[in-house]
Protein backbone atom coordinates (compact mmCIF):
# COMPACT_ATOMS: atom_id res chain seq x y z
CA MET A 1 79.66 29.22 -32.12
CA THR A 2 82.16 30.36 -34.73
CA THR A 3 85.79 31.29 -34.38
CA PRO A 4 87.48 34.04 -36.41
CA ARG A 5 90.04 32.90 -38.92
CA ILE A 6 93.64 33.39 -37.83
CA CYS A 7 97.05 33.41 -39.45
CA VAL A 8 100.15 31.59 -38.26
CA THR A 9 103.17 33.86 -38.56
CA THR A 10 106.73 33.02 -39.42
CA ALA A 11 107.75 33.98 -35.89
CA THR A 12 105.25 31.52 -34.41
CA LEU A 13 106.53 28.67 -36.56
CA ILE A 14 110.13 29.47 -35.69
CA ALA A 15 109.26 29.42 -31.98
CA LEU A 16 107.58 26.04 -32.38
CA ALA A 17 110.55 24.78 -34.37
CA ALA A 18 112.92 25.59 -31.53
CA CYS A 19 110.97 23.16 -29.34
CA SER A 20 110.63 20.33 -31.84
CA VAL A 21 113.78 20.12 -33.97
CA PRO A 22 117.13 18.70 -32.84
CA ASP A 23 120.10 21.04 -32.96
CA ARG A 24 121.42 21.12 -36.50
CA ALA A 25 124.89 20.36 -35.18
CA ASP A 26 123.60 16.97 -34.04
CA GLN A 27 122.43 16.00 -37.50
CA SER A 28 124.61 13.67 -39.51
CA SER A 29 122.78 13.95 -42.81
CA LEU A 30 124.90 16.67 -44.40
CA GLY A 31 126.62 15.29 -47.47
CA THR A 32 124.54 12.11 -47.52
CA ARG A 33 121.70 11.09 -49.79
CA PRO A 34 118.51 11.33 -47.76
CA ASN A 35 115.64 8.93 -47.71
CA ILE A 36 112.51 10.51 -49.18
CA LEU A 37 109.08 10.16 -47.60
CA LEU A 38 106.29 11.64 -49.73
CA ILE A 39 102.94 11.96 -47.93
CA VAL A 40 99.92 12.68 -50.11
CA SER A 41 96.38 13.38 -48.91
CA GLU A 42 93.29 13.45 -51.11
CA ASP A 43 91.03 16.32 -52.00
CA ASN A 44 92.06 18.91 -49.44
CA GLY A 45 93.41 22.38 -49.79
CA PRO A 46 95.44 24.22 -47.13
CA GLU A 47 92.69 23.85 -44.52
CA ILE A 48 95.04 22.84 -41.73
CA GLY A 49 96.16 24.64 -38.61
CA ALA A 50 99.56 25.68 -39.90
CA TYR A 51 97.84 27.61 -42.70
CA GLY A 52 95.58 29.43 -40.25
CA GLU A 53 92.45 27.28 -40.40
CA PRO A 54 90.66 27.66 -37.04
CA TYR A 55 88.16 24.82 -37.35
CA VAL A 56 90.57 21.90 -37.47
CA SER A 57 92.98 20.27 -35.04
CA THR A 58 96.11 19.17 -36.91
CA PRO A 59 98.93 19.10 -34.34
CA ASN A 60 101.07 16.60 -36.29
CA LEU A 61 100.99 18.53 -39.55
CA ASP A 62 101.46 21.78 -37.65
CA ALA A 63 104.54 20.35 -35.93
CA LEU A 64 105.87 19.17 -39.29
CA ALA A 65 105.50 22.72 -40.60
CA ALA A 66 107.19 24.15 -37.52
CA SER A 67 110.14 21.81 -37.93
CA GLY A 68 110.33 22.36 -41.68
CA VAL A 69 109.27 24.83 -44.36
CA LEU A 70 105.70 25.79 -45.21
CA PHE A 71 104.94 27.00 -48.74
CA GLN A 72 102.12 29.52 -48.66
CA ASN A 73 101.53 29.62 -52.42
CA ALA A 74 101.81 26.02 -53.62
CA TYR A 75 99.84 24.73 -56.60
CA VAL A 76 99.06 21.58 -58.52
CA PRO A 77 98.99 21.77 -62.33
CA GLN A 78 95.44 20.36 -62.54
CA ALA A 79 92.77 19.84 -59.88
CA GLY A 80 92.16 16.14 -60.42
CA CYS A 81 93.55 13.06 -58.67
CA SER A 82 95.21 11.21 -61.55
CA GLN A 83 96.25 14.39 -63.30
CA SER A 84 97.91 15.87 -60.21
CA ARG A 85 99.69 12.67 -59.23
CA ALA A 86 101.02 12.01 -62.73
CA ALA A 87 102.26 15.60 -62.87
CA PHE A 88 104.34 15.50 -59.69
CA LEU A 89 105.66 12.00 -60.43
CA THR A 90 106.75 12.91 -63.99
CA GLY A 91 107.58 16.59 -63.53
CA LEU A 92 105.40 17.45 -66.54
CA TYR A 93 102.09 19.24 -67.06
CA PRO A 94 99.15 16.96 -67.92
CA HIS A 95 99.11 18.18 -71.51
CA GLN A 96 102.79 17.17 -71.71
CA ASN A 97 102.54 13.71 -70.13
CA GLY A 98 99.08 12.69 -71.34
CA GLN A 99 97.29 12.02 -68.02
CA ILE A 100 94.62 14.62 -68.73
CA GLY A 101 91.73 12.76 -67.03
CA LEU A 102 91.07 10.07 -64.46
CA ALA A 103 92.85 6.75 -64.72
CA THR A 104 89.56 5.02 -63.89
CA TRP A 105 88.21 6.44 -67.15
CA LYS A 106 91.21 4.95 -69.00
CA PHE A 107 93.13 8.21 -69.48
CA GLY A 108 96.87 7.77 -69.14
CA LEU A 109 100.39 8.77 -70.07
CA TYR A 110 101.20 9.21 -73.73
CA ARG A 111 104.14 6.86 -73.26
CA SER A 112 104.81 4.16 -70.70
CA ASP A 113 108.54 4.99 -70.79
CA THR A 114 107.99 8.60 -69.65
CA SER A 115 110.67 9.54 -67.13
CA ASN A 116 109.36 9.61 -63.57
CA ILE A 117 110.54 9.91 -59.99
CA VAL A 118 110.18 6.20 -59.24
CA ARG A 119 112.26 5.01 -62.17
CA SER A 120 114.91 7.70 -61.72
CA LEU A 121 115.37 7.03 -58.00
CA LYS A 122 115.42 3.28 -58.54
CA GLU A 123 118.18 3.75 -61.11
CA ALA A 124 120.02 5.90 -58.53
CA GLY A 125 120.05 2.99 -56.08
CA TYR A 126 116.97 3.79 -54.00
CA ARG A 127 114.46 1.24 -52.80
CA THR A 128 111.04 2.44 -53.96
CA GLY A 129 107.72 1.86 -52.24
CA ILE A 130 104.11 2.98 -52.40
CA ILE A 131 101.30 2.57 -49.87
CA GLY A 132 97.86 3.55 -51.12
CA LYS A 133 96.71 4.26 -54.62
CA LEU A 134 98.84 5.24 -57.61
CA HIS A 135 95.90 6.13 -59.91
CA ILE A 136 97.96 6.63 -63.08
CA ASN A 137 97.99 4.63 -66.32
CA PRO A 138 99.85 2.50 -67.07
CA PRO A 139 100.82 1.46 -63.52
CA GLU A 140 103.76 -0.57 -64.80
CA ALA A 141 105.45 2.71 -65.80
CA PHE A 142 106.27 3.10 -62.09
CA PRO A 143 108.54 0.21 -60.99
CA PHE A 144 107.98 0.15 -57.24
CA ASP A 145 109.84 -2.50 -55.25
CA PHE A 146 107.15 -2.51 -52.56
CA ALA A 147 103.43 -1.83 -53.07
CA LYS A 148 100.62 -2.18 -50.54
CA ILE A 149 96.93 -1.15 -50.38
CA PRO A 150 96.53 -0.40 -54.09
CA SER A 151 92.85 0.51 -53.75
CA ALA A 152 91.54 4.01 -53.11
CA ASN A 153 90.08 2.75 -49.81
CA PHE A 154 87.45 5.47 -49.63
CA GLN A 155 85.67 3.51 -46.89
CA ARG A 156 88.80 3.94 -44.72
CA GLU A 157 89.14 0.28 -43.84
CA ASP A 158 91.93 -0.82 -41.48
CA MET A 159 93.71 2.52 -41.59
CA GLY A 160 96.39 1.33 -39.18
CA ARG A 161 97.89 -0.67 -42.05
CA TYR A 162 99.38 2.45 -43.63
CA ALA A 163 101.84 3.16 -40.81
CA ALA A 164 102.44 -0.56 -40.22
CA PHE A 165 103.40 -1.19 -43.83
CA ALA A 166 105.54 1.95 -43.80
CA ALA A 167 107.41 0.68 -40.75
CA GLU A 168 107.97 -2.65 -42.50
CA PHE A 169 109.35 -0.97 -45.61
CA MET A 170 111.57 1.52 -43.77
CA GLY A 171 113.16 -1.27 -41.75
CA GLN A 172 113.96 -3.60 -44.62
CA ALA A 173 117.42 -2.42 -45.67
CA GLU A 174 120.01 0.27 -45.16
CA GLN A 175 120.08 1.62 -48.72
CA PRO A 176 118.22 4.91 -49.15
CA PHE A 177 114.50 4.69 -49.81
CA PHE A 178 111.72 6.56 -51.55
CA LEU A 179 108.30 5.87 -50.04
CA SER A 180 105.04 7.40 -51.20
CA VAL A 181 102.19 7.10 -48.68
CA ASN A 182 98.77 8.05 -50.06
CA TYR A 183 95.86 8.52 -47.67
CA PRO A 184 92.17 8.48 -48.66
CA ASP A 185 91.15 11.41 -46.45
CA ALA A 186 89.74 13.96 -47.21
CA HIS A 187 88.10 12.40 -50.32
CA ARG A 188 84.36 11.92 -50.46
CA PRO A 189 82.46 10.43 -48.80
CA PHE A 190 83.18 12.82 -45.94
CA LEU A 191 82.98 10.26 -43.14
CA ARG A 192 82.30 11.87 -39.77
CA GLN A 193 84.11 9.18 -37.81
CA VAL A 194 86.20 6.11 -38.59
CA ASP A 195 87.04 3.79 -35.70
CA GLY A 196 86.06 6.57 -33.32
CA ILE A 197 88.34 9.12 -35.02
CA PRO A 198 88.06 12.02 -34.49
CA GLU A 199 86.96 11.47 -30.92
CA ARG A 200 84.80 14.61 -30.87
CA PRO A 201 83.66 15.23 -34.44
CA LEU A 202 82.66 18.70 -35.52
CA GLN A 203 79.00 19.44 -36.16
CA ALA A 204 77.44 21.88 -38.61
CA ALA A 205 76.92 24.46 -35.85
CA ASP A 206 80.66 24.46 -35.08
CA VAL A 207 81.88 25.72 -38.47
CA GLU A 208 81.35 28.14 -41.31
CA PRO A 209 81.53 27.12 -44.99
CA LEU A 210 84.82 27.64 -46.79
CA GLU A 211 85.00 31.27 -47.84
CA TYR A 212 85.83 30.54 -51.46
CA MET A 213 82.38 28.96 -51.89
CA GLY A 214 80.73 32.29 -51.11
CA LEU A 215 77.49 30.60 -49.97
CA ASP A 216 76.10 29.58 -46.61
CA SER A 217 73.40 27.03 -45.74
CA PRO A 218 72.83 24.27 -43.18
CA GLU A 219 73.79 21.65 -45.77
CA LEU A 220 77.02 23.42 -46.69
CA ARG A 221 77.93 23.73 -43.02
CA GLU A 222 77.28 20.04 -42.45
CA GLN A 223 79.39 19.01 -45.43
CA THR A 224 82.14 21.42 -44.39
CA ALA A 225 82.14 20.02 -40.85
CA ASP A 226 82.61 16.48 -42.10
CA TYR A 227 85.29 17.64 -44.53
CA TYR A 228 87.13 19.08 -41.51
CA ASN A 229 86.54 15.85 -39.58
CA SER A 230 88.30 14.03 -42.43
CA ILE A 231 91.29 16.38 -42.11
CA ASN A 232 91.41 15.95 -38.32
CA ARG A 233 91.49 12.18 -38.87
CA LEU A 234 94.15 12.48 -41.56
CA ASP A 235 96.38 14.33 -39.11
CA MET A 236 96.28 11.41 -36.68
CA TYR A 237 97.33 8.98 -39.39
CA VAL A 238 100.17 11.28 -40.44
CA GLY A 239 101.27 11.36 -36.81
CA ASP A 240 101.38 7.56 -36.72
CA LEU A 241 103.44 7.54 -39.91
CA LEU A 242 105.94 10.11 -38.64
CA GLN A 243 106.27 8.14 -35.41
CA ALA A 244 107.07 5.05 -37.46
CA LEU A 245 109.79 7.05 -39.20
CA THR A 246 111.22 8.14 -35.85
CA ASP A 247 111.09 4.58 -34.53
CA SER A 248 113.03 3.39 -37.59
CA GLY A 249 115.98 5.54 -36.52
CA LYS A 250 116.01 7.24 -39.93
CA ARG A 251 114.23 10.50 -39.15
CA GLU A 252 117.35 12.65 -39.27
CA ASN A 253 118.28 11.45 -42.72
CA THR A 254 114.82 11.58 -44.31
CA LEU A 255 113.46 14.35 -46.49
CA VAL A 256 109.73 14.52 -45.70
CA VAL A 257 107.25 16.19 -48.04
CA TYR A 258 103.55 16.53 -47.33
CA LEU A 259 101.04 17.79 -49.89
CA GLY A 260 97.40 17.59 -50.86
CA ASP A 261 96.71 16.33 -54.37
CA HIS A 262 94.25 19.22 -55.02
CA GLY A 263 91.50 21.16 -53.31
CA ALA A 264 88.31 20.02 -51.62
CA ASP A 265 85.41 18.39 -53.44
CA LEU A 266 83.19 21.35 -52.63
CA LEU A 267 81.82 24.27 -54.61
CA ARG A 268 84.53 26.05 -56.66
CA GLY A 269 87.17 23.54 -55.56
CA LYS A 270 88.09 20.22 -57.16
CA ARG A 271 87.58 20.03 -60.94
CA THR A 272 88.01 23.80 -61.34
CA SER A 273 90.85 26.20 -62.06
CA TYR A 274 89.94 28.43 -59.13
CA GLU A 275 92.22 28.79 -56.12
CA GLY A 276 90.01 26.41 -54.15
CA GLY A 277 90.92 23.68 -56.63
CA VAL A 278 94.58 24.21 -57.46
CA ARG A 279 96.12 25.72 -54.29
CA VAL A 280 97.33 23.04 -51.89
CA PRO A 281 99.28 22.59 -48.67
CA LEU A 282 102.97 21.86 -49.19
CA ILE A 283 105.33 21.29 -46.27
CA VAL A 284 108.96 20.18 -46.59
CA ARG A 285 111.26 19.00 -43.79
CA TRP A 286 114.83 18.43 -44.98
CA PRO A 287 117.24 17.78 -42.09
CA GLY A 288 120.72 19.09 -42.70
CA LEU A 289 119.64 21.57 -45.37
CA GLN A 290 116.66 23.56 -44.21
CA GLN A 291 116.24 26.74 -42.30
CA ALA A 292 113.36 25.47 -40.15
CA GLY A 293 110.22 27.45 -39.36
CA GLN A 294 110.10 29.33 -42.64
CA VAL A 295 106.91 30.40 -44.37
CA ARG A 296 107.80 30.94 -48.03
CA GLU A 297 105.64 33.18 -50.21
CA GLU A 298 107.13 32.23 -53.60
CA LEU A 299 104.91 30.68 -56.28
CA VAL A 300 105.78 26.99 -56.25
CA SER A 301 104.33 23.97 -57.99
CA THR A 302 104.23 20.27 -57.25
CA LEU A 303 106.08 20.05 -60.57
CA ASP A 304 109.08 21.23 -58.54
CA LEU A 305 109.17 17.98 -56.57
CA MET A 306 110.82 15.79 -59.20
CA PRO A 307 113.82 18.11 -59.71
CA THR A 308 114.04 18.50 -55.93
CA PHE A 309 114.17 14.74 -55.40
CA LEU A 310 116.63 14.25 -58.25
CA GLU A 311 118.96 16.79 -56.68
CA ALA A 312 118.62 15.29 -53.20
CA SER A 313 119.32 11.77 -54.46
CA ALA A 314 122.10 12.70 -56.89
CA GLY A 315 119.91 10.88 -59.37
CA GLY A 316 121.07 12.80 -62.40
CA GLU A 317 119.15 15.20 -64.60
CA VAL A 318 116.04 14.59 -66.69
CA ALA A 319 115.70 16.89 -69.67
CA GLY A 320 112.59 18.94 -70.26
CA LEU A 321 111.15 19.02 -66.74
CA ALA A 322 108.69 21.84 -66.10
CA GLY A 323 109.75 22.68 -62.54
CA ARG A 324 112.87 23.53 -60.58
CA SER A 325 114.41 22.32 -57.34
CA LEU A 326 113.04 23.78 -54.12
CA SER A 327 116.34 23.30 -52.30
CA PRO A 328 117.49 26.95 -52.33
CA LEU A 329 114.17 28.03 -50.82
CA VAL A 330 114.25 25.26 -48.20
CA ALA A 331 117.79 26.34 -47.29
CA GLY A 332 116.54 29.87 -46.60
CA GLY A 333 118.00 31.52 -49.68
CA THR A 334 116.54 34.26 -51.83
CA PRO A 335 117.28 33.06 -55.37
CA PRO A 336 115.61 34.58 -58.43
CA TRP A 337 112.31 32.73 -58.66
CA ARG A 338 109.43 32.37 -61.08
CA GLU A 339 107.29 35.41 -61.70
CA TYR A 340 104.45 33.42 -63.26
CA LEU A 341 102.80 30.12 -62.37
CA PHE A 342 100.57 28.08 -64.69
CA THR A 343 97.77 25.57 -64.24
CA GLU A 344 95.29 23.91 -66.56
CA PHE A 345 92.16 21.79 -66.81
CA HIS A 346 90.90 19.27 -69.33
CA LEU A 347 88.38 16.94 -67.74
CA HIS A 348 87.93 14.62 -64.79
CA SER A 349 85.63 11.90 -66.06
CA ASN A 350 83.88 12.13 -69.41
CA HIS A 351 81.11 14.14 -67.76
CA ASN A 352 83.01 17.41 -67.44
CA TYR A 353 85.26 18.14 -70.42
CA PHE A 354 85.95 21.89 -70.42
CA PRO A 355 89.59 22.82 -71.22
CA GLN A 356 91.14 25.82 -69.49
CA ARG A 357 94.56 27.41 -69.14
CA THR A 358 95.61 29.78 -66.35
CA VAL A 359 98.47 32.04 -65.34
CA ARG A 360 99.03 33.99 -62.14
CA ASP A 361 101.65 36.28 -60.72
CA GLN A 362 101.91 37.52 -57.14
CA GLN A 363 98.78 39.65 -57.51
CA TYR A 364 96.68 38.76 -60.54
CA LYS A 365 95.30 35.58 -62.09
CA LEU A 366 94.00 35.04 -65.62
CA ILE A 367 91.88 32.05 -66.66
CA ARG A 368 91.36 31.36 -70.34
CA ASN A 369 88.37 29.16 -71.15
CA LEU A 370 89.17 27.43 -74.44
CA MET A 371 85.50 26.72 -75.19
CA PRO A 372 84.03 30.08 -74.12
CA ASN A 373 80.34 30.89 -73.92
CA THR A 374 79.41 27.21 -74.04
CA LEU A 375 77.94 25.09 -71.30
CA ASN A 376 80.51 24.03 -68.70
CA PRO A 377 79.26 20.54 -67.77
CA GLY A 378 81.55 20.41 -64.74
CA HIS A 379 79.54 23.09 -62.97
CA ALA A 380 76.26 21.21 -63.30
CA PHE A 381 78.03 17.93 -62.47
CA THR A 382 79.19 19.24 -59.09
CA LEU A 383 75.92 20.93 -58.20
CA GLY A 384 73.79 17.97 -59.21
CA ARG A 385 75.92 15.28 -57.63
CA PHE A 386 76.64 16.66 -54.17
CA PHE A 387 74.21 19.43 -53.24
CA SER A 388 70.47 19.92 -52.86
CA GLU A 389 69.25 22.23 -55.61
CA GLY A 390 66.62 24.04 -53.57
CA GLU A 391 68.93 24.76 -50.68
CA LEU A 392 71.66 26.08 -52.98
CA GLN A 393 69.18 28.30 -54.80
CA GLU A 394 68.12 29.78 -51.47
CA ALA A 395 71.76 30.22 -50.41
CA ALA A 396 72.52 31.96 -53.70
CA ARG A 397 69.51 34.24 -53.28
CA ARG A 398 70.94 35.44 -49.96
CA ALA A 399 74.49 35.88 -51.31
CA PRO A 400 75.97 39.20 -52.47
CA GLN A 401 75.39 40.11 -56.10
CA ARG A 402 79.01 39.51 -57.10
CA VAL A 403 78.79 35.94 -55.76
CA ARG A 404 75.54 35.29 -57.65
CA THR A 405 77.11 36.69 -60.81
CA ALA A 406 80.17 34.47 -60.39
CA TYR A 407 78.04 31.33 -60.07
CA GLN A 408 76.01 32.27 -63.13
CA ALA A 409 79.22 32.78 -65.12
CA MET A 410 80.54 29.36 -64.07
CA GLY A 411 77.72 27.70 -65.99
CA ARG A 412 78.72 29.38 -69.26
CA PRO A 413 82.06 31.10 -68.77
CA PRO A 414 83.44 33.91 -70.93
CA GLU A 415 86.73 33.45 -72.73
CA TYR A 416 88.74 35.27 -70.07
CA GLU A 417 88.47 35.70 -66.31
CA LEU A 418 90.85 38.10 -64.55
CA TYR A 419 91.07 38.39 -60.77
CA ASP A 420 93.04 40.59 -58.39
CA LEU A 421 93.88 38.05 -55.69
CA THR A 422 95.05 40.67 -53.21
CA VAL A 423 91.58 42.21 -52.89
CA ASP A 424 89.50 39.34 -54.27
CA PRO A 425 91.21 36.13 -53.09
CA TYR A 426 88.10 34.03 -53.71
CA GLU A 427 87.71 35.14 -57.35
CA PHE A 428 84.23 36.65 -57.47
CA SER A 429 84.89 39.86 -59.46
CA ASN A 430 85.99 39.31 -63.07
CA LEU A 431 88.12 42.26 -64.23
CA ALA A 432 88.79 41.03 -67.78
CA SER A 433 86.66 43.76 -69.35
CA ASP A 434 87.66 46.49 -66.89
CA PRO A 435 89.55 49.22 -68.83
CA SER A 436 91.61 50.10 -65.76
CA HIS A 437 93.14 46.60 -65.86
CA GLU A 438 93.81 46.43 -69.59
CA ASP A 439 97.59 46.50 -69.19
CA VAL A 440 97.52 43.62 -66.68
CA PHE A 441 95.12 41.68 -68.87
CA GLU A 442 97.29 42.03 -71.98
CA ARG A 443 100.48 41.19 -70.08
CA LEU A 444 99.08 37.99 -68.59
CA LYS A 445 97.40 37.00 -71.83
CA ALA A 446 100.72 37.32 -73.69
CA ARG A 447 102.61 35.38 -71.01
CA LEU A 448 100.02 32.60 -71.03
CA GLN A 449 100.30 32.30 -74.78
CA GLN A 450 104.10 32.20 -74.55
CA TRP A 451 103.93 29.35 -72.02
CA ARG A 452 101.52 27.41 -74.19
CA VAL A 453 103.91 27.66 -77.12
CA GLU A 454 106.94 26.76 -74.98
CA THR A 455 105.23 23.65 -73.58
CA GLU A 456 103.75 22.58 -76.94
CA ASP A 457 100.17 22.81 -75.74
CA PRO A 458 98.22 20.67 -78.24
CA PHE A 459 95.12 22.82 -77.73
CA LEU A 460 96.80 25.74 -79.44
CA ASP A 461 95.11 24.07 -82.40
CA PRO A 462 91.36 24.32 -81.69
CA ALA A 463 90.81 21.31 -83.90
CA ASN A 464 92.48 19.12 -81.29
CA ALA A 465 90.13 20.33 -78.56
CA ALA A 466 87.18 19.67 -80.84
CA ARG A 467 88.45 16.22 -81.81
CA LEU A 468 88.89 15.17 -78.18
CA LYS A 469 85.39 16.44 -77.41
CA ALA A 470 84.03 14.33 -80.25
CA ASP A 471 85.92 11.27 -78.98
CA ILE A 472 84.49 11.82 -75.52
CA GLU A 473 80.94 12.30 -76.79
CA ALA A 474 81.28 9.05 -78.73
CA THR A 475 81.38 7.23 -75.37
CA ARG A 476 77.83 8.29 -74.54
CA GLU A 477 75.26 5.50 -74.71
CA ASN A 478 71.56 6.03 -74.01
CA GLY A 479 72.31 9.42 -72.53
CA GLU A 480 75.03 8.14 -70.18
CA TYR A 481 78.81 8.10 -70.54
CA VAL A 482 80.47 4.69 -70.40
CA ARG A 483 84.12 3.94 -69.82
CA PRO A 484 85.89 3.13 -73.08
CA ALA A 485 88.28 0.26 -73.60
CA GLY A 486 90.99 2.80 -74.39
CA TRP A 487 91.87 6.07 -76.11
CA ASN A 488 93.93 7.06 -79.14
CA TYR A 489 94.34 10.74 -78.29
CA SER A 490 98.14 10.44 -78.06
CA ALA A 491 98.11 10.31 -81.86
CA TYR A 492 97.01 13.95 -82.07
CA LEU A 493 97.69 15.48 -78.64
CA ALA A 494 101.18 14.25 -77.73
CA PRO A 495 103.93 16.88 -78.10
CA SER A 496 106.85 16.03 -80.35
CA GLY A 497 109.00 13.22 -78.99
CA ARG A 498 106.22 11.89 -76.77
CA VAL A 499 104.05 10.14 -79.34
CA ASP A 500 102.97 6.60 -78.62
CA ARG A 501 100.62 5.21 -81.27
CA SER A 502 99.37 2.33 -79.16
CA PRO A 503 95.91 2.85 -77.54
CA LEU A 504 95.88 3.80 -73.89
CA ARG A 505 94.43 0.97 -71.81
């Protein structure tokens, strides 16, 4: 049995907030530097109850949204684990900081002395801690005082340790803290249950595939169900963590941020520039500042977190950051905000190099494929690794023509893809060659080019894209890619002032 998708309104969240948030007059955090608790989940978009997802049960995240601020249009700069995490910790786009691919494939920051949240807050007098993986090279660039569970832990072993270690860290001293807690759910493998959680796991018959995939089959329903089971389990762990914060006595002076590092590892999600890959949940609870129960529609980026945390901590300014503080939005203001938001893609592992640049406004989105009309290896990588070919072919045969056309184009994309997100939120109808959208196309194309110049995008020179491709192909042995000892791409990709000639290890 299926359930229609629903939306949670601002009024609903405000009503919930009235039941779950102490009176602001009772809060003593005004004028103080808050602790900062950053909660990061893996490989999930906004498929939680507070964003209107009917197939999950996420009471803890929903309550966090009700007592804080939910950002409806939040994005990561690149839909990859290392790339996303390096971006929000440095406040820079991947092409600016150098973490353009996975750390496990030896990609890393151009410079180990790149400014980052951890170093800045430590210098401002904060204790710094991380639980779960960092997944950025070099790890020593992030001087945490406390570090536990450094592995990805995709088998979800001893998950109670996350909240236990958090409680230990939060109780160690009275100076303000920054703690990053990184959970493995909802990364593959999509485990149906871990230690009996969730108690009643969803089955394929209980769900429908995510709409942005555009396809339906028994296999897709089964994978979607277990993806949702991972999110249901994540919510329980987040609840344990937030209880540990309450038990520490520091809840009312702690800025809590929850986000996903990028979208789901499903069709047209992770490793793409589509909305299913780059749009994420972002919830902020900031006692003493916020107007609780808000649903903000502004275009925000996880690049905005570093300036937000610097402002909250009085940690000083860092020049050249790509984002801006979210504080006026959290406080309920209506400041002038960005009209355009940008994302990008380079590669994940060596198997899927296919550089892209994107821009969107409140209605339209433009993707520029920098190697147009060539094979996109990422498309075949996803299809071949996670899905049965025959079943997908049958699902595609049953799909509407525009969905079939979109999947065909993903294998060998044109230079430009233009989508009207108000009528086509799942990006199936490319309007780039539609004469009636020529003005929109030219406007977004010009703005994307301006941003690339402003941020010193090294791929403005096509020779750099070709050189990196050649370096990547040089790692292929006997038809298979192998992980290199290191890279020298900082020598030709790093923007001015960020060049480090030493190989990335």
